Amino acid sequence: MRKGYLVMIVMIIALLMAGGLWAAEVSTTMNVLAVNPASQAATVSATDLNFGTLSLTGPTNAEATITVNAPNGTPYQIGIDGGLNLYNCSNSRCMTGLDQYNIVSYQVLYELYTDAARTTVWGDSCTSSPTYGTYSCAGPFTGTGADQTYTVYGQAQQALDLTEVVDLDDTVTITVVY
């Protein structure tokens, strides 16, 4: 009788090892995912830089803020181009505007800087199509996955008598290279 139990135990063990006691199988799939940090997009936004009423006796200063959100650990640089009026103003940044009759065009030169002392001009040499490439981009910085803010320091040259000018403006493009 012992021999019979022993044979039965051996058979049960053999069946368990071979999976023979299981009556059915069911399967599914599982996606295995990861995000490559280099494939995540960065975002950039900016406030307007408004000089307000320009001074007739000296330069006028103003500030704006650039906000960048880059993936955590991603190095990046920030470039600012020469603006839409660059080529109308001898390759300098300038705001333009028309008199009240839309006849006479006025120009006021301005510059954008990376520092509060307004000594380091903010350019776009790091971009693929620089227009203000003589000057360097700001950075490098490292993304945190959260918003990071940077101050743009602007300075407009002394205005001449612009009593007839309604508005002066320009538009620059900010590019984040990562």
N, C-alpha and C. Protein backbone atom coordinates (compact mmCIF):
# COMPACT_ATOMS: atom_id res chain seq x y z
N MET A 1 0.80 -1.18 0.00
CA MET A 1 0.00 0.00 0.00
C MET A 1 0.86 1.26 0.00
N ARG A 2 1.93 1.19 0.70
CA ARG A 2 2.84 2.30 0.69
C ARG A 2 3.37 2.56 -0.70
N LYS A 3 3.60 1.50 -1.41
CA LYS A 3 4.12 1.63 -2.75
C LYS A 3 3.10 2.34 -3.63
N GLY A 4 1.82 2.07 -3.42
CA GLY A 4 0.75 2.71 -4.18
C GLY A 4 0.68 4.20 -3.90
N TYR A 5 0.85 4.57 -2.62
CA TYR A 5 0.86 6.00 -2.28
C TYR A 5 2.07 6.70 -2.90
N LEU A 6 3.17 6.03 -2.85
CA LEU A 6 4.39 6.59 -3.38
C LEU A 6 4.26 6.82 -4.89
N VAL A 7 3.69 5.87 -5.60
CA VAL A 7 3.49 6.02 -7.04
C VAL A 7 2.51 7.17 -7.31
N MET A 8 1.49 7.25 -6.51
CA MET A 8 0.50 8.31 -6.68
C MET A 8 1.11 9.69 -6.41
N ILE A 9 1.93 9.82 -5.41
CA ILE A 9 2.59 11.08 -5.09
C ILE A 9 3.54 11.47 -6.22
N VAL A 10 4.30 10.52 -6.73
CA VAL A 10 5.22 10.79 -7.83
C VAL A 10 4.44 11.26 -9.05
N MET A 11 3.30 10.63 -9.34
CA MET A 11 2.49 11.02 -10.50
C MET A 11 1.91 12.43 -10.32
N ILE A 12 1.47 12.75 -9.11
CA ILE A 12 0.92 14.09 -8.84
C ILE A 12 2.01 15.14 -9.02
N ILE A 13 3.20 14.85 -8.51
CA ILE A 13 4.31 15.78 -8.65
C ILE A 13 4.66 15.95 -10.12
N ALA A 14 4.69 14.86 -10.86
CA ALA A 14 5.01 14.94 -12.29
C ALA A 14 3.96 15.75 -13.04
N LEU A 15 2.70 15.57 -12.70
CA LEU A 15 1.63 16.34 -13.35
C LEU A 15 1.72 17.82 -13.00
N LEU A 16 2.02 18.10 -11.74
CA LEU A 16 2.14 19.51 -11.33
C LEU A 16 3.30 20.18 -12.06
N MET A 17 4.40 19.47 -12.18
CA MET A 17 5.56 20.05 -12.85
C MET A 17 5.30 20.24 -14.35
N ALA A 18 4.50 19.39 -14.93
CA ALA A 18 4.21 19.48 -16.36
C ALA A 18 3.03 20.40 -16.64
N GLY A 19 2.38 20.88 -15.60
CA GLY A 19 1.23 21.75 -15.79
C GLY A 19 -0.02 20.99 -16.18
N GLY A 20 -0.01 19.74 -16.00
CA GLY A 20 -1.12 18.91 -16.44
C GLY A 20 -2.38 19.02 -15.61
N LEU A 21 -2.32 19.57 -14.40
CA LEU A 21 -3.51 19.69 -13.58
C LEU A 21 -4.32 20.92 -13.91
N TRP A 22 -3.74 21.82 -14.67
CA TRP A 22 -4.44 23.05 -15.03
C TRP A 22 -5.35 22.76 -16.22
N ALA A 23 -6.58 23.18 -16.10
CA ALA A 23 -7.57 22.83 -17.11
C ALA A 23 -7.58 23.79 -18.30
N ALA A 24 -7.15 25.04 -18.11
CA ALA A 24 -7.21 26.00 -19.21
C ALA A 24 -6.18 27.09 -19.00
N GLU A 25 -5.96 27.87 -20.06
CA GLU A 25 -5.05 29.02 -20.00
C GLU A 25 -5.75 30.23 -20.59
N VAL A 26 -5.40 31.43 -20.10
CA VAL A 26 -5.90 32.67 -20.66
C VAL A 26 -4.72 33.65 -20.69
N SER A 27 -4.65 34.50 -21.72
CA SER A 27 -3.51 35.40 -21.88
C SER A 27 -3.99 36.82 -22.16
N THR A 28 -3.10 37.74 -21.94
CA THR A 28 -3.32 39.12 -22.33
C THR A 28 -1.97 39.73 -22.68
N THR A 29 -1.97 40.96 -23.14
CA THR A 29 -0.72 41.64 -23.42
C THR A 29 -0.58 42.83 -22.49
N MET A 30 0.62 43.27 -22.33
CA MET A 30 0.91 44.43 -21.49
C MET A 30 1.85 45.33 -22.27
N ASN A 31 1.50 46.60 -22.36
CA ASN A 31 2.40 47.56 -23.00
C ASN A 31 3.47 47.96 -22.01
N VAL A 32 4.68 48.00 -22.47
CA VAL A 32 5.80 48.46 -21.67
C VAL A 32 6.23 49.79 -22.27
N LEU A 33 6.10 50.85 -21.48
CA LEU A 33 6.29 52.20 -22.00
C LEU A 33 7.33 52.97 -21.22
N ALA A 34 7.94 53.88 -21.89
CA ALA A 34 8.84 54.85 -21.26
C ALA A 34 8.85 56.08 -22.15
N VAL A 35 9.17 57.21 -21.57
CA VAL A 35 9.23 58.45 -22.34
C VAL A 35 10.69 58.88 -22.44
N ASN A 36 11.14 59.07 -23.67
CA ASN A 36 12.48 59.58 -23.90
C ASN A 36 12.44 61.07 -23.62
N PRO A 37 13.20 61.57 -22.65
CA PRO A 37 13.14 63.00 -22.32
C PRO A 37 13.42 63.90 -23.52
N ALA A 38 14.24 63.45 -24.44
CA ALA A 38 14.56 64.28 -25.60
C ALA A 38 13.38 64.43 -26.54
N SER A 39 12.40 63.54 -26.44
CA SER A 39 11.25 63.63 -27.34
C SER A 39 10.13 64.50 -26.78
N GLN A 40 10.23 64.89 -25.52
CA GLN A 40 9.22 65.74 -24.93
C GLN A 40 9.41 67.18 -25.41
N ALA A 41 8.32 67.83 -25.66
CA ALA A 41 8.38 69.20 -26.17
C ALA A 41 8.54 70.20 -25.02
N ALA A 42 9.32 71.21 -25.28
CA ALA A 42 9.41 72.34 -24.36
C ALA A 42 8.37 73.37 -24.79
N THR A 43 7.98 74.24 -23.87
CA THR A 43 7.07 75.34 -24.20
C THR A 43 7.72 76.65 -23.80
N VAL A 44 7.31 77.70 -24.50
CA VAL A 44 7.85 79.03 -24.18
C VAL A 44 6.73 80.06 -24.35
N SER A 45 6.71 81.03 -23.46
CA SER A 45 5.76 82.14 -23.55
C SER A 45 6.47 83.39 -23.03
N ALA A 46 5.90 84.54 -23.32
CA ALA A 46 6.54 85.79 -22.89
C ALA A 46 5.49 86.87 -22.66
N THR A 47 5.82 87.77 -21.75
CA THR A 47 5.00 88.97 -21.57
C THR A 47 5.49 90.02 -22.54
N ASP A 48 4.66 91.03 -22.81
CA ASP A 48 5.08 92.13 -23.68
C ASP A 48 6.08 93.02 -22.96
N LEU A 49 7.01 93.55 -23.72
CA LEU A 49 7.94 94.55 -23.20
C LEU A 49 7.40 95.91 -23.64
N ASN A 50 6.91 96.68 -22.67
CA ASN A 50 6.26 97.95 -22.97
C ASN A 50 7.09 99.10 -22.40
N PHE A 51 7.68 99.89 -23.29
CA PHE A 51 8.49 101.04 -22.85
C PHE A 51 7.62 102.19 -22.35
N GLY A 52 6.34 102.14 -22.65
CA GLY A 52 5.47 103.25 -22.23
C GLY A 52 5.83 104.51 -22.99
N THR A 53 5.77 105.65 -22.32
CA THR A 53 6.13 106.92 -22.94
C THR A 53 7.64 107.05 -22.94
N LEU A 54 8.20 107.22 -24.13
CA LEU A 54 9.66 107.32 -24.26
C LEU A 54 10.16 108.67 -23.76
N SER A 55 11.34 108.64 -23.19
CA SER A 55 11.97 109.86 -22.69
C SER A 55 12.57 110.66 -23.83
N LEU A 56 12.46 111.99 -23.74
CA LEU A 56 13.09 112.88 -24.71
C LEU A 56 14.48 113.31 -24.25
N THR A 57 14.87 112.89 -23.02
CA THR A 57 16.15 113.33 -22.46
C THR A 57 17.16 112.21 -22.25
N GLY A 58 16.77 110.97 -22.41
CA GLY A 58 17.69 109.86 -22.19
C GLY A 58 17.02 108.54 -22.52
N PRO A 59 17.71 107.43 -22.33
CA PRO A 59 17.13 106.12 -22.65
C PRO A 59 15.97 105.79 -21.71
N THR A 60 15.09 104.92 -22.21
CA THR A 60 13.96 104.43 -21.43
C THR A 60 14.14 102.93 -21.24
N ASN A 61 14.04 102.48 -19.99
CA ASN A 61 14.19 101.05 -19.69
C ASN A 61 12.85 100.40 -19.43
N ALA A 62 12.78 99.09 -19.74
CA ALA A 62 11.60 98.28 -19.46
C ALA A 62 12.03 96.83 -19.34
N GLU A 63 11.15 96.01 -18.77
CA GLU A 63 11.45 94.59 -18.60
C GLU A 63 10.27 93.74 -19.05
N ALA A 64 10.58 92.52 -19.45
CA ALA A 64 9.57 91.52 -19.79
C ALA A 64 10.03 90.19 -19.21
N THR A 65 9.16 89.21 -19.23
CA THR A 65 9.49 87.90 -18.69
C THR A 65 9.27 86.82 -19.74
N ILE A 66 10.24 85.92 -19.85
CA ILE A 66 10.12 84.73 -20.68
C ILE A 66 9.94 83.55 -19.74
N THR A 67 8.96 82.69 -20.04
CA THR A 67 8.73 81.50 -19.25
C THR A 67 8.98 80.28 -20.12
N VAL A 68 9.85 79.39 -19.66
CA VAL A 68 10.18 78.17 -20.38
C VAL A 68 9.85 76.98 -19.50
N ASN A 69 9.24 75.97 -20.10
CA ASN A 69 9.02 74.70 -19.42
C ASN A 69 9.65 73.63 -20.29
N ALA A 70 10.80 73.12 -19.85
CA ALA A 70 11.52 72.08 -20.58
C ALA A 70 11.55 70.81 -19.74
N PRO A 71 11.60 69.64 -20.39
CA PRO A 71 11.64 68.38 -19.65
C PRO A 71 12.79 68.35 -18.64
N ASN A 72 12.55 67.69 -17.54
CA ASN A 72 13.53 67.59 -16.46
C ASN A 72 14.87 67.05 -16.99
N GLY A 73 15.93 67.78 -16.69
CA GLY A 73 17.27 67.36 -17.08
C GLY A 73 17.68 67.74 -18.49
N THR A 74 16.79 68.37 -19.25
CA THR A 74 17.08 68.73 -20.64
C THR A 74 17.81 70.07 -20.71
N PRO A 75 19.00 70.11 -21.29
CA PRO A 75 19.69 71.40 -21.45
C PRO A 75 19.06 72.21 -22.58
N TYR A 76 19.02 73.52 -22.40
CA TYR A 76 18.45 74.38 -23.45
C TYR A 76 19.07 75.76 -23.40
N GLN A 77 18.88 76.50 -24.50
CA GLN A 77 19.28 77.89 -24.60
C GLN A 77 18.09 78.69 -25.13
N ILE A 78 18.10 80.00 -24.89
CA ILE A 78 17.02 80.86 -25.34
C ILE A 78 17.60 81.94 -26.25
N GLY A 79 17.05 82.03 -27.45
CA GLY A 79 17.48 83.05 -28.40
C GLY A 79 16.36 84.03 -28.68
N ILE A 80 16.71 85.29 -28.94
CA ILE A 80 15.74 86.31 -29.36
C ILE A 80 16.27 86.92 -30.65
N ASP A 81 15.45 86.87 -31.70
CA ASP A 81 15.91 87.38 -32.99
C ASP A 81 15.93 88.90 -33.04
N GLY A 82 16.28 89.45 -34.20
CA GLY A 82 16.43 90.89 -34.35
C GLY A 82 15.14 91.65 -34.52
N GLY A 83 14.02 90.96 -34.65
CA GLY A 83 12.73 91.64 -34.77
C GLY A 83 12.31 91.84 -36.22
N LEU A 84 11.05 92.16 -36.40
CA LEU A 84 10.49 92.34 -37.74
C LEU A 84 11.06 93.55 -38.46
N ASN A 85 11.49 94.57 -37.72
CA ASN A 85 11.98 95.81 -38.34
C ASN A 85 13.49 95.82 -38.54
N LEU A 86 14.15 94.72 -38.27
CA LEU A 86 15.62 94.66 -38.28
C LEU A 86 16.22 95.21 -39.58
N TYR A 87 15.72 94.77 -40.70
CA TYR A 87 16.34 95.15 -41.97
C TYR A 87 15.93 96.55 -42.44
N ASN A 88 14.90 97.10 -41.84
CA ASN A 88 14.51 98.49 -42.13
C ASN A 88 15.30 99.49 -41.29
N CYS A 89 16.07 98.97 -40.35
CA CYS A 89 16.77 99.84 -39.39
C CYS A 89 18.26 99.55 -39.35
N SER A 90 18.85 99.32 -40.51
CA SER A 90 20.31 99.11 -40.62
C SER A 90 20.79 97.98 -39.73
N ASN A 91 20.04 96.86 -39.72
CA ASN A 91 20.39 95.67 -38.94
C ASN A 91 20.48 95.93 -37.44
N SER A 92 19.67 96.83 -36.95
CA SER A 92 19.54 97.10 -35.52
C SER A 92 18.08 96.85 -35.13
N ARG A 93 17.88 96.51 -33.89
CA ARG A 93 16.50 96.39 -33.41
C ARG A 93 15.89 97.78 -33.33
N CYS A 94 14.68 97.92 -33.85
CA CYS A 94 14.03 99.22 -33.75
C CYS A 94 12.52 99.07 -33.79
N MET A 95 11.88 100.02 -33.14
CA MET A 95 10.43 100.14 -33.21
C MET A 95 10.12 101.17 -34.28
N THR A 96 9.07 100.93 -35.03
CA THR A 96 8.67 101.88 -36.06
C THR A 96 7.22 102.27 -35.85
N GLY A 97 6.85 103.41 -36.40
CA GLY A 97 5.47 103.88 -36.32
C GLY A 97 5.24 104.98 -37.34
N LEU A 98 3.99 105.20 -37.68
CA LEU A 98 3.62 106.22 -38.66
C LEU A 98 2.98 107.41 -37.96
N ASP A 99 3.11 108.55 -38.60
CA ASP A 99 2.45 109.74 -38.07
C ASP A 99 0.93 109.58 -38.20
N GLN A 100 0.21 110.55 -37.70
CA GLN A 100 -1.26 110.46 -37.68
C GLN A 100 -1.88 110.39 -39.06
N TYR A 101 -1.14 110.76 -40.09
CA TYR A 101 -1.66 110.72 -41.46
C TYR A 101 -1.19 109.47 -42.21
N ASN A 102 -0.45 108.59 -41.51
CA ASN A 102 0.11 107.37 -42.12
C ASN A 102 1.02 107.69 -43.30
N ILE A 103 1.79 108.75 -43.17
CA ILE A 103 2.68 109.16 -44.25
C ILE A 103 4.14 109.05 -43.84
N VAL A 104 4.50 109.65 -42.72
CA VAL A 104 5.89 109.70 -42.28
C VAL A 104 6.16 108.55 -41.31
N SER A 105 7.23 107.81 -41.55
CA SER A 105 7.62 106.70 -40.68
C SER A 105 8.70 107.16 -39.72
N TYR A 106 8.55 106.78 -38.46
CA TYR A 106 9.53 107.10 -37.43
C TYR A 106 10.15 105.81 -36.92
N GLN A 107 11.39 105.92 -36.45
CA GLN A 107 12.10 104.77 -35.90
C GLN A 107 12.77 105.16 -34.59
N VAL A 108 12.71 104.25 -33.63
CA VAL A 108 13.46 104.42 -32.38
C VAL A 108 14.19 103.10 -32.14
N LEU A 109 15.51 103.17 -32.02
CA LEU A 109 16.31 101.98 -31.76
C LEU A 109 16.13 101.52 -30.32
N TYR A 110 16.19 100.21 -30.14
CA TYR A 110 16.14 99.64 -28.80
C TYR A 110 17.03 98.41 -28.78
N GLU A 111 17.32 97.92 -27.59
CA GLU A 111 18.10 96.69 -27.46
C GLU A 111 17.55 95.86 -26.32
N LEU A 112 17.79 94.55 -26.41
CA LEU A 112 17.37 93.60 -25.38
C LEU A 112 18.61 92.96 -24.78
N TYR A 113 18.59 92.81 -23.46
CA TYR A 113 19.77 92.33 -22.73
C TYR A 113 19.41 91.18 -21.80
N THR A 114 20.44 90.38 -21.49
CA THR A 114 20.25 89.26 -20.55
C THR A 114 20.51 89.67 -19.11
N ASP A 115 21.08 90.86 -18.90
CA ASP A 115 21.45 91.28 -17.55
C ASP A 115 20.88 92.65 -17.21
N ALA A 116 20.66 92.87 -15.92
CA ALA A 116 20.06 94.12 -15.44
C ALA A 116 20.94 95.33 -15.71
N ALA A 117 22.25 95.14 -15.81
CA ALA A 117 23.16 96.25 -16.11
C ALA A 117 23.07 96.65 -17.59
N ARG A 118 22.39 95.83 -18.36
CA ARG A 118 22.20 96.08 -19.80
C ARG A 118 23.54 96.19 -20.54
N THR A 119 24.37 95.16 -20.31
CA THR A 119 25.67 95.11 -20.98
C THR A 119 25.80 93.92 -21.94
N THR A 120 25.01 92.86 -21.74
CA THR A 120 25.10 91.66 -22.59
C THR A 120 23.86 91.58 -23.47
N VAL A 121 24.05 91.86 -24.77
CA VAL A 121 22.94 91.85 -25.72
C VAL A 121 22.44 90.42 -25.91
N TRP A 122 21.12 90.27 -25.94
CA TRP A 122 20.48 88.96 -26.10
C TRP A 122 20.24 88.72 -27.59
N GLY A 123 20.93 87.74 -28.16
CA GLY A 123 20.81 87.42 -29.57
C GLY A 123 20.24 86.04 -29.81
N ASP A 124 20.47 85.55 -31.03
CA ASP A 124 19.91 84.23 -31.40
C ASP A 124 20.93 83.36 -32.14
N SER A 125 22.21 83.47 -31.76
CA SER A 125 23.26 82.72 -32.45
C SER A 125 23.11 81.21 -32.31
N CYS A 126 22.36 80.73 -31.33
CA CYS A 126 22.19 79.29 -31.12
C CYS A 126 21.10 78.68 -31.98
N THR A 127 20.31 79.49 -32.67
CA THR A 127 19.19 78.98 -33.45
C THR A 127 19.64 78.53 -34.84
N SER A 128 18.79 77.79 -35.52
CA SER A 128 19.15 77.26 -36.84
C SER A 128 19.14 78.34 -37.91
N SER A 129 18.42 79.43 -37.71
CA SER A 129 18.37 80.53 -38.68
C SER A 129 18.54 81.87 -37.98
N PRO A 130 19.74 82.15 -37.48
CA PRO A 130 19.92 83.39 -36.71
C PRO A 130 19.79 84.64 -37.59
N THR A 131 19.10 85.63 -37.04
CA THR A 131 19.03 86.94 -37.69
C THR A 131 19.82 87.97 -36.90
N TYR A 132 20.05 87.65 -35.64
CA TYR A 132 20.79 88.54 -34.75
C TYR A 132 21.94 87.73 -34.14
N GLY A 133 22.58 86.95 -35.00
CA GLY A 133 23.55 85.95 -34.58
C GLY A 133 24.88 86.47 -34.11
N THR A 134 25.12 87.76 -34.27
CA THR A 134 26.36 88.33 -33.74
C THR A 134 26.35 88.23 -32.22
N TYR A 135 25.16 88.16 -31.66
CA TYR A 135 24.99 88.13 -30.21
C TYR A 135 24.53 86.75 -29.76
N SER A 136 24.99 86.37 -28.58
CA SER A 136 24.74 85.03 -28.05
C SER A 136 23.35 84.87 -27.47
N CYS A 137 22.94 83.62 -27.44
CA CYS A 137 21.71 83.24 -26.75
C CYS A 137 21.98 83.23 -25.25
N ALA A 138 20.93 83.19 -24.47
CA ALA A 138 21.07 83.04 -23.02
C ALA A 138 21.13 81.55 -22.71
N GLY A 139 21.92 81.20 -21.71
CA GLY A 139 22.02 79.81 -21.30
C GLY A 139 23.46 79.33 -21.44
N PRO A 140 23.67 78.04 -21.29
CA PRO A 140 22.66 76.99 -21.21
C PRO A 140 22.01 76.90 -19.82
N PHE A 141 20.75 76.46 -19.87
CA PHE A 141 19.97 76.21 -18.67
C PHE A 141 19.60 74.72 -18.67
N THR A 142 19.06 74.23 -17.56
CA THR A 142 18.62 72.84 -17.48
C THR A 142 17.15 72.80 -17.09
N GLY A 143 16.36 72.10 -17.88
CA GLY A 143 14.93 71.98 -17.62
C GLY A 143 14.64 71.25 -16.32
N THR A 144 13.54 71.63 -15.70
CA THR A 144 13.12 71.00 -14.44
C THR A 144 11.77 70.29 -14.58
N GLY A 145 11.13 70.44 -15.74
CA GLY A 145 9.78 69.92 -15.92
C GLY A 145 8.74 70.88 -15.40
N ALA A 146 9.17 72.02 -14.88
CA ALA A 146 8.26 73.06 -14.38
C ALA A 146 8.64 74.38 -15.05
N ASP A 147 7.78 75.37 -14.89
CA ASP A 147 8.04 76.69 -15.47
C ASP A 147 9.28 77.32 -14.85
N GLN A 148 10.15 77.87 -15.70
CA GLN A 148 11.31 78.63 -15.26
C GLN A 148 11.22 80.00 -15.94
N THR A 149 11.44 81.07 -15.19
CA THR A 149 11.27 82.42 -15.75
C THR A 149 12.61 83.13 -15.88
N TYR A 150 12.69 83.96 -16.90
CA TYR A 150 13.88 84.73 -17.21
C TYR A 150 13.46 86.16 -17.55
N THR A 151 14.22 87.12 -17.08
CA THR A 151 13.89 88.52 -17.32
C THR A 151 14.63 89.00 -18.57
N VAL A 152 13.89 89.70 -19.42
CA VAL A 152 14.46 90.39 -20.58
C VAL A 152 14.55 91.87 -20.19
N TYR A 153 15.74 92.43 -20.29
CA TYR A 153 15.95 93.83 -19.94
C TYR A 153 16.04 94.63 -21.24
N GLY A 154 15.11 95.54 -21.44
CA GLY A 154 15.09 96.35 -22.65
C GLY A 154 15.50 97.78 -22.38
N GLN A 155 16.07 98.38 -23.42
CA GLN A 155 16.43 99.80 -23.34
C GLN A 155 16.20 100.44 -24.70
N ALA A 156 15.34 101.47 -24.72
CA ALA A 156 15.08 102.23 -25.95
C ALA A 156 15.92 103.50 -25.91
N GLN A 157 16.45 103.88 -27.06
CA GLN A 157 17.23 105.11 -27.14
C GLN A 157 16.34 106.32 -26.89
N GLN A 158 16.99 107.40 -26.58
CA GLN A 158 16.29 108.67 -26.39
C GLN A 158 15.43 108.96 -27.63
N ALA A 159 14.20 109.33 -27.41
CA ALA A 159 13.29 109.63 -28.51
C ALA A 159 13.49 111.07 -28.97
N LEU A 160 13.32 111.26 -30.26
CA LEU A 160 13.29 112.62 -30.79
C LEU A 160 11.86 113.13 -30.61
N ASP A 161 11.56 114.26 -31.11
CA ASP A 161 10.20 114.79 -31.00
C ASP A 161 9.25 113.91 -31.81
N LEU A 162 8.49 113.08 -31.12
CA LEU A 162 7.59 112.13 -31.78
C LEU A 162 6.14 112.51 -31.51
N THR A 163 5.85 113.79 -31.45
CA THR A 163 4.50 114.22 -31.08
C THR A 163 3.43 113.75 -32.06
N GLU A 164 3.81 113.45 -33.29
CA GLU A 164 2.82 113.03 -34.27
C GLU A 164 2.67 111.51 -34.37
N VAL A 165 3.56 110.77 -33.73
CA VAL A 165 3.52 109.31 -33.83
C VAL A 165 2.45 108.76 -32.91
N VAL A 166 1.62 107.90 -33.44
CA VAL A 166 0.58 107.28 -32.63
C VAL A 166 1.17 106.17 -31.78
N ASP A 167 1.80 105.19 -32.41
CA ASP A 167 2.40 104.06 -31.70
C ASP A 167 3.68 103.64 -32.39
N LEU A 168 4.60 103.13 -31.61
CA LEU A 168 5.81 102.51 -32.12
C LEU A 168 5.80 101.05 -31.69
N ASP A 169 6.20 100.16 -32.60
CA ASP A 169 6.24 98.76 -32.18
C ASP A 169 7.20 97.95 -33.03
N ASP A 170 7.46 96.77 -32.53
CA ASP A 170 8.26 95.76 -33.21
C ASP A 170 7.83 94.41 -32.62
N THR A 171 8.15 93.34 -33.29
CA THR A 171 7.86 92.00 -32.79
C THR A 171 9.12 91.16 -32.92
N VAL A 172 9.52 90.54 -31.84
CA VAL A 172 10.68 89.63 -31.87
C VAL A 172 10.19 88.20 -31.68
N THR A 173 10.98 87.27 -32.16
CA THR A 173 10.69 85.84 -31.99
C THR A 173 11.65 85.26 -30.97
N ILE A 174 11.10 84.57 -29.99
CA ILE A 174 11.89 83.91 -28.95
C ILE A 174 11.92 82.43 -29.30
N THR A 175 13.12 81.85 -29.34
CA THR A 175 13.30 80.46 -29.70
C THR A 175 14.03 79.73 -28.58
N VAL A 176 13.50 78.59 -28.18
CA VAL A 176 14.16 77.73 -27.21
C VAL A 176 14.79 76.58 -27.99
N VAL A 177 16.10 76.42 -27.87
CA VAL A 177 16.84 75.37 -28.56
C VAL A 177 17.22 74.33 -27.51
N TYR A 178 16.78 73.07 -27.71
CA TYR A 178 17.10 72.00 -26.76
C TYR A 178 17.38 70.72 -27.46
